[in-house]
Amino acid sequence: MTRPTRSTSTEGGTDPGEVSIETVILIPVVMFLVLMSVQAAVLLHGVTMAEHISMQGAAAAARYGASESAGMRAAEDAASSLGARLWGAPLVSVTAHDVTVEVSVRVPRAVPLFPEVVARTTTVPRERFTAYGER
């Protein structure tokens, strides 16, 4: 008695190896897309943190009678309260009319295509004290 043989042609059905090949190709592509979206969200969060930190430092240094060190301290305090890792010390520049603070924040990377450091700069005018009689 002879056993029926199974046809290896694809005319009558699907190839048994087709699903394996599709899975091997599709899963890495889907995982890469998921990691890209997660990395984009982490990068946007890093940008928001850098903006907030630089704004806090600039607001502190712009107060009447404040110095550059007050801006640096406020920026470092804001970074520690947010859990951000700074890439170097905040740069505070005070002129007669305005204050500029530049902050660089490290961002964790899951995909190597995105930057590791996000930098933001904020410039605000300095507060001036005007006596009541001079208004």
N, C-alpha and C. Protein backbone atom coordinates (compact mmCIF):
# COMPACT_ATOMS: atom_id res chain seq x y z
N MET A 1 0.83 -1.15 0.00
CA MET A 1 0.00 0.00 0.00
C MET A 1 0.90 1.24 0.00
N THR A 2 0.53 2.17 -0.78
CA THR A 2 1.34 3.39 -0.89
C THR A 2 0.66 4.53 -0.14
N ARG A 3 1.46 5.36 0.41
CA ARG A 3 0.93 6.51 1.13
C ARG A 3 0.77 7.68 0.17
N PRO A 4 -0.28 8.48 0.39
CA PRO A 4 -0.43 9.65 -0.49
C PRO A 4 0.68 10.67 -0.19
N THR A 5 1.24 11.21 -1.23
CA THR A 5 2.31 12.21 -1.05
C THR A 5 1.70 13.60 -1.06
N ARG A 6 2.39 14.46 -0.39
CA ARG A 6 1.93 15.84 -0.30
C ARG A 6 2.62 16.66 -1.37
N SER A 7 1.86 17.47 -2.05
CA SER A 7 2.42 18.27 -3.12
C SER A 7 3.17 19.47 -2.54
N THR A 8 4.32 19.76 -3.12
CA THR A 8 5.11 20.90 -2.66
C THR A 8 4.84 22.14 -3.51
N SER A 9 3.97 22.06 -4.45
CA SER A 9 3.69 23.24 -5.27
C SER A 9 2.74 24.16 -4.53
N THR A 10 2.73 25.42 -4.89
CA THR A 10 1.88 26.40 -4.22
C THR A 10 0.59 26.67 -4.98
N GLU A 11 0.30 25.90 -5.98
CA GLU A 11 -0.90 26.15 -6.77
C GLU A 11 -2.17 25.89 -5.99
N GLY A 12 -2.20 24.90 -5.18
CA GLY A 12 -3.42 24.51 -4.50
C GLY A 12 -3.58 25.12 -3.13
N GLY A 13 -2.59 25.79 -2.54
CA GLY A 13 -2.69 26.32 -1.18
C GLY A 13 -1.51 27.21 -0.88
N THR A 14 -1.32 27.43 0.40
CA THR A 14 -0.21 28.30 0.79
C THR A 14 1.03 27.47 1.09
N ASP A 15 2.15 28.09 0.91
CA ASP A 15 3.41 27.44 1.22
C ASP A 15 3.60 27.44 2.73
N PRO A 16 3.94 26.34 3.35
CA PRO A 16 4.07 26.30 4.80
C PRO A 16 5.18 27.21 5.34
N GLY A 17 6.18 27.56 4.54
CA GLY A 17 7.25 28.43 5.00
C GLY A 17 6.93 29.91 4.83
N GLU A 18 5.84 30.20 4.17
CA GLU A 18 5.49 31.59 3.89
C GLU A 18 5.19 32.37 5.18
N VAL A 19 4.50 31.76 6.10
CA VAL A 19 4.16 32.43 7.34
C VAL A 19 5.42 32.71 8.16
N SER A 20 6.34 31.78 8.18
CA SER A 20 7.59 31.98 8.92
C SER A 20 8.38 33.15 8.36
N ILE A 21 8.47 33.24 7.05
CA ILE A 21 9.23 34.32 6.42
C ILE A 21 8.54 35.66 6.69
N GLU A 22 7.23 35.70 6.59
CA GLU A 22 6.51 36.94 6.88
C GLU A 22 6.72 37.38 8.33
N THR A 23 6.72 36.44 9.25
CA THR A 23 6.92 36.75 10.66
C THR A 23 8.34 37.26 10.90
N VAL A 24 9.32 36.64 10.30
CA VAL A 24 10.71 37.03 10.49
C VAL A 24 10.95 38.44 9.95
N ILE A 25 10.27 38.82 8.90
CA ILE A 25 10.45 40.15 8.32
C ILE A 25 9.57 41.18 9.03
N LEU A 26 8.35 40.81 9.37
CA LEU A 26 7.38 41.77 9.89
C LEU A 26 7.65 42.16 11.35
N ILE A 27 8.03 41.24 12.20
CA ILE A 27 8.21 41.55 13.62
C ILE A 27 9.31 42.59 13.85
N PRO A 28 10.48 42.49 13.24
CA PRO A 28 11.48 43.56 13.46
C PRO A 28 11.01 44.93 12.95
N VAL A 29 10.28 44.96 11.85
CA VAL A 29 9.79 46.23 11.33
C VAL A 29 8.79 46.85 12.30
N VAL A 30 7.87 46.05 12.82
CA VAL A 30 6.88 46.55 13.78
C VAL A 30 7.57 47.01 15.07
N MET A 31 8.54 46.25 15.55
CA MET A 31 9.26 46.63 16.77
C MET A 31 10.03 47.94 16.56
N PHE A 32 10.64 48.11 15.39
CA PHE A 32 11.36 49.34 15.09
C PHE A 32 10.40 50.53 15.08
N LEU A 33 9.23 50.36 14.51
CA LEU A 33 8.25 51.45 14.49
C LEU A 33 7.77 51.80 15.91
N VAL A 34 7.58 50.79 16.73
CA VAL A 34 7.17 51.03 18.12
C VAL A 34 8.28 51.78 18.87
N LEU A 35 9.53 51.35 18.70
CA LEU A 35 10.64 52.02 19.36
C LEU A 35 10.81 53.45 18.86
N MET A 36 10.57 53.68 17.58
CA MET A 36 10.66 55.04 17.02
C MET A 36 9.61 55.95 17.66
N SER A 37 8.40 55.45 17.82
CA SER A 37 7.36 56.28 18.43
C SER A 37 7.64 56.55 19.90
N VAL A 38 8.16 55.56 20.62
CA VAL A 38 8.52 55.76 22.03
C VAL A 38 9.66 56.77 22.13
N GLN A 39 10.66 56.65 21.25
CA GLN A 39 11.79 57.57 21.28
C GLN A 39 11.35 59.00 20.94
N ALA A 40 10.42 59.15 20.01
CA ALA A 40 9.92 60.48 19.68
C ALA A 40 9.21 61.10 20.89
N ALA A 41 8.45 60.30 21.61
CA ALA A 41 7.77 60.81 22.81
C ALA A 41 8.78 61.20 23.89
N VAL A 42 9.82 60.40 24.08
CA VAL A 42 10.85 60.72 25.07
C VAL A 42 11.60 61.99 24.67
N LEU A 43 11.86 62.16 23.39
CA LEU A 43 12.55 63.35 22.91
C LEU A 43 11.69 64.60 23.14
N LEU A 44 10.41 64.52 22.85
CA LEU A 44 9.52 65.65 23.09
C LEU A 44 9.43 65.99 24.58
N HIS A 45 9.45 64.97 25.42
CA HIS A 45 9.45 65.21 26.87
C HIS A 45 10.75 65.90 27.28
N GLY A 46 11.87 65.51 26.70
CA GLY A 46 13.15 66.16 26.99
C GLY A 46 13.16 67.62 26.57
N VAL A 47 12.54 67.91 25.42
CA VAL A 47 12.44 69.30 24.95
C VAL A 47 11.61 70.12 25.92
N THR A 48 10.51 69.58 26.38
CA THR A 48 9.66 70.28 27.34
C THR A 48 10.39 70.53 28.66
N MET A 49 11.14 69.54 29.13
CA MET A 49 11.91 69.72 30.36
C MET A 49 12.97 70.80 30.19
N ALA A 50 13.68 70.80 29.06
CA ALA A 50 14.71 71.80 28.82
C ALA A 50 14.11 73.21 28.76
N GLU A 51 12.95 73.34 28.12
CA GLU A 51 12.27 74.64 28.08
C GLU A 51 11.92 75.12 29.49
N HIS A 52 11.35 74.23 30.29
CA HIS A 52 10.94 74.60 31.64
C HIS A 52 12.15 74.99 32.50
N ILE A 53 13.21 74.22 32.41
CA ILE A 53 14.40 74.49 33.21
C ILE A 53 15.01 75.84 32.83
N SER A 54 15.11 76.12 31.54
CA SER A 54 15.70 77.39 31.12
C SER A 54 14.80 78.56 31.50
N MET A 55 13.48 78.38 31.45
CA MET A 55 12.57 79.45 31.86
C MET A 55 12.67 79.73 33.36
N GLN A 56 12.79 78.69 34.17
CA GLN A 56 12.92 78.88 35.61
C GLN A 56 14.22 79.62 35.94
N GLY A 57 15.30 79.24 35.29
CA GLY A 57 16.57 79.92 35.53
C GLY A 57 16.54 81.37 35.09
N ALA A 58 15.93 81.64 33.93
CA ALA A 58 15.86 83.01 33.43
C ALA A 58 14.96 83.87 34.32
N ALA A 59 13.85 83.33 34.78
CA ALA A 59 12.95 84.09 35.65
C ALA A 59 13.63 84.43 36.97
N ALA A 60 14.41 83.50 37.51
CA ALA A 60 15.10 83.76 38.78
C ALA A 60 16.20 84.80 38.62
N ALA A 61 16.94 84.74 37.52
CA ALA A 61 18.04 85.69 37.30
C ALA A 61 17.53 87.07 36.88
N ALA A 62 16.30 87.15 36.37
CA ALA A 62 15.76 88.43 35.89
C ALA A 62 15.15 89.26 37.01
N ARG A 63 14.96 88.69 38.17
CA ARG A 63 14.38 89.45 39.28
C ARG A 63 15.29 90.61 39.68
N TYR A 64 14.68 91.65 40.20
CA TYR A 64 15.43 92.84 40.60
C TYR A 64 16.42 92.47 41.70
N GLY A 65 17.68 92.77 41.49
CA GLY A 65 18.72 92.50 42.48
C GLY A 65 19.29 91.10 42.43
N ALA A 66 18.80 90.22 41.54
CA ALA A 66 19.30 88.84 41.45
C ALA A 66 20.59 88.81 40.63
N SER A 67 21.35 87.74 40.78
CA SER A 67 22.60 87.58 40.06
C SER A 67 22.55 86.36 39.16
N GLU A 68 23.65 86.13 38.44
CA GLU A 68 23.74 84.95 37.57
C GLU A 68 23.67 83.66 38.38
N SER A 69 24.26 83.68 39.56
CA SER A 69 24.26 82.47 40.38
C SER A 69 22.85 82.08 40.81
N ALA A 70 21.97 83.07 41.00
CA ALA A 70 20.57 82.75 41.34
C ALA A 70 19.90 82.04 40.18
N GLY A 71 20.19 82.44 38.97
CA GLY A 71 19.64 81.77 37.79
C GLY A 71 20.17 80.35 37.64
N MET A 72 21.47 80.18 37.88
CA MET A 72 22.05 78.83 37.80
C MET A 72 21.46 77.92 38.86
N ARG A 73 21.33 78.42 40.09
CA ARG A 73 20.75 77.62 41.17
C ARG A 73 19.31 77.23 40.86
N ALA A 74 18.52 78.19 40.33
CA ALA A 74 17.11 77.90 40.02
C ALA A 74 17.01 76.87 38.90
N ALA A 75 17.88 76.96 37.91
CA ALA A 75 17.87 75.99 36.81
C ALA A 75 18.26 74.61 37.31
N GLU A 76 19.27 74.53 38.15
CA GLU A 76 19.68 73.23 38.70
C GLU A 76 18.61 72.64 39.61
N ASP A 77 17.95 73.49 40.39
CA ASP A 77 16.86 73.01 41.25
C ASP A 77 15.68 72.50 40.41
N ALA A 78 15.36 73.21 39.33
CA ALA A 78 14.26 72.77 38.45
C ALA A 78 14.62 71.44 37.80
N ALA A 79 15.87 71.28 37.39
CA ALA A 79 16.30 70.02 36.77
C ALA A 79 16.22 68.86 37.76
N SER A 80 16.66 69.09 38.98
CA SER A 80 16.60 68.00 39.97
C SER A 80 15.16 67.67 40.35
N SER A 81 14.29 68.67 40.38
CA SER A 81 12.89 68.37 40.73
C SER A 81 12.18 67.61 39.61
N LEU A 82 12.62 67.81 38.37
CA LEU A 82 12.03 67.08 37.25
C LEU A 82 12.70 65.73 37.02
N GLY A 83 13.86 65.52 37.61
CA GLY A 83 14.60 64.28 37.38
C GLY A 83 15.38 64.30 36.08
N ALA A 84 15.67 65.49 35.57
CA ALA A 84 16.40 65.63 34.32
C ALA A 84 17.90 65.57 34.59
N ARG A 85 18.63 65.03 33.62
CA ARG A 85 20.09 65.00 33.71
C ARG A 85 20.64 66.09 32.81
N LEU A 86 21.30 67.07 33.40
CA LEU A 86 21.86 68.17 32.63
C LEU A 86 23.16 67.74 31.96
N TRP A 87 23.39 68.29 30.78
CA TRP A 87 24.63 68.06 30.05
C TRP A 87 25.50 69.29 30.28
N GLY A 88 26.14 69.36 31.41
CA GLY A 88 26.93 70.53 31.76
C GLY A 88 26.11 71.51 32.58
N ALA A 89 26.77 72.52 33.06
CA ALA A 89 26.10 73.53 33.88
C ALA A 89 25.30 74.48 33.00
N PRO A 90 24.20 75.02 33.51
CA PRO A 90 23.43 76.00 32.74
C PRO A 90 24.27 77.26 32.50
N LEU A 91 24.14 77.83 31.32
CA LEU A 91 24.88 79.06 30.99
C LEU A 91 23.94 80.24 31.16
N VAL A 92 24.30 81.14 32.07
CA VAL A 92 23.48 82.32 32.36
C VAL A 92 24.26 83.55 31.94
N SER A 93 23.61 84.39 31.14
CA SER A 93 24.24 85.62 30.67
C SER A 93 23.30 86.77 31.00
N VAL A 94 23.82 87.74 31.77
CA VAL A 94 23.02 88.88 32.21
C VAL A 94 23.58 90.15 31.56
N THR A 95 22.71 90.89 30.88
CA THR A 95 23.09 92.19 30.33
C THR A 95 22.27 93.26 31.06
N ALA A 96 22.39 94.49 30.62
CA ALA A 96 21.68 95.59 31.28
C ALA A 96 20.17 95.46 31.11
N HIS A 97 19.73 94.86 30.00
CA HIS A 97 18.29 94.83 29.71
C HIS A 97 17.65 93.45 29.75
N ASP A 98 18.44 92.40 29.59
CA ASP A 98 17.81 91.07 29.57
C ASP A 98 18.73 90.00 30.14
N VAL A 99 18.12 88.81 30.33
CA VAL A 99 18.83 87.64 30.87
C VAL A 99 18.62 86.50 29.90
N THR A 100 19.70 85.78 29.58
CA THR A 100 19.62 84.62 28.70
C THR A 100 20.15 83.41 29.44
N VAL A 101 19.39 82.32 29.40
CA VAL A 101 19.80 81.06 30.03
C VAL A 101 19.76 79.96 28.98
N GLU A 102 20.87 79.23 28.87
CA GLU A 102 20.94 78.10 27.94
C GLU A 102 21.15 76.82 28.74
N VAL A 103 20.32 75.83 28.45
CA VAL A 103 20.34 74.57 29.18
C VAL A 103 20.40 73.42 28.19
N SER A 104 21.22 72.41 28.49
CA SER A 104 21.29 71.20 27.68
C SER A 104 20.90 70.01 28.56
N VAL A 105 19.95 69.22 28.09
CA VAL A 105 19.42 68.08 28.85
C VAL A 105 19.72 66.80 28.08
N ARG A 106 20.20 65.79 28.79
CA ARG A 106 20.44 64.47 28.18
C ARG A 106 19.12 63.71 28.07
N VAL A 107 18.93 63.05 26.94
CA VAL A 107 17.71 62.29 26.68
C VAL A 107 18.11 60.82 26.49
N PRO A 108 17.45 59.89 27.18
CA PRO A 108 17.76 58.48 26.96
C PRO A 108 17.41 58.08 25.53
N ARG A 109 18.23 57.20 24.96
CA ARG A 109 18.00 56.79 23.56
C ARG A 109 17.69 55.31 23.47
N ALA A 110 16.62 55.00 22.74
CA ALA A 110 16.29 53.61 22.42
C ALA A 110 16.61 53.34 20.95
N VAL A 111 16.63 54.40 20.15
CA VAL A 111 16.92 54.31 18.72
C VAL A 111 18.08 55.27 18.44
N PRO A 112 19.13 54.81 17.76
CA PRO A 112 20.30 55.67 17.58
C PRO A 112 20.11 56.82 16.58
N LEU A 113 18.97 56.95 15.95
CA LEU A 113 18.75 58.00 14.96
C LEU A 113 18.42 59.35 15.60
N PHE A 114 18.06 59.37 16.85
CA PHE A 114 17.64 60.58 17.53
C PHE A 114 18.81 61.18 18.32
N PRO A 115 18.77 62.50 18.59
CA PRO A 115 19.87 63.12 19.34
C PRO A 115 19.87 62.70 20.81
N GLU A 116 21.05 62.76 21.41
CA GLU A 116 21.19 62.39 22.81
C GLU A 116 21.04 63.60 23.74
N VAL A 117 21.25 64.80 23.20
CA VAL A 117 21.19 66.02 24.00
C VAL A 117 20.24 67.01 23.35
N VAL A 118 19.39 67.63 24.17
CA VAL A 118 18.47 68.66 23.70
C VAL A 118 18.85 69.96 24.40
N ALA A 119 19.04 71.03 23.64
CA ALA A 119 19.41 72.32 24.21
C ALA A 119 18.32 73.34 23.93
N ARG A 120 18.04 74.17 24.92
CA ARG A 120 17.06 75.24 24.78
C ARG A 120 17.61 76.50 25.41
N THR A 121 17.25 77.64 24.81
CA THR A 121 17.68 78.95 25.30
C THR A 121 16.45 79.82 25.54
N THR A 122 16.44 80.52 26.67
CA THR A 122 15.35 81.42 27.00
C THR A 122 15.94 82.79 27.32
N THR A 123 15.33 83.82 26.74
CA THR A 123 15.73 85.20 27.01
C THR A 123 14.53 85.96 27.54
N VAL A 124 14.70 86.61 28.69
CA VAL A 124 13.62 87.41 29.29
C VAL A 124 14.19 88.77 29.68
N PRO A 125 13.33 89.80 29.71
CA PRO A 125 13.81 91.12 30.15
C PRO A 125 14.03 91.16 31.65
N ARG A 126 15.00 91.97 32.08
CA ARG A 126 15.27 92.12 33.51
C ARG A 126 14.24 93.03 34.16
N GLU A 127 13.93 92.75 35.41
CA GLU A 127 13.03 93.62 36.16
C GLU A 127 13.77 94.89 36.54
N ARG A 128 13.05 95.99 36.48
CA ARG A 128 13.62 97.27 36.88
C ARG A 128 12.78 97.83 38.01
N PHE A 129 13.45 98.43 38.96
CA PHE A 129 12.73 99.06 40.06
C PHE A 129 12.57 100.55 39.73
N THR A 130 11.34 100.97 39.78
CA THR A 130 11.04 102.39 39.56
C THR A 130 10.34 102.89 40.79
N ALA A 131 10.90 103.92 41.40
CA ALA A 131 10.29 104.50 42.60
C ALA A 131 8.94 105.12 42.24
N TYR A 132 8.07 105.18 43.22
CA TYR A 132 6.72 105.67 42.97
C TYR A 132 6.72 107.11 42.45
N GLY A 133 7.59 107.92 42.94
CA GLY A 133 7.64 109.32 42.51
C GLY A 133 8.20 109.49 41.11
N GLU A 134 8.91 108.47 40.58
CA GLU A 134 9.51 108.56 39.24
C GLU A 134 8.59 108.03 38.15
N ARG A 135 7.44 107.54 38.49
CA ARG A 135 6.55 106.94 37.48
C ARG A 135 5.92 107.93 36.63
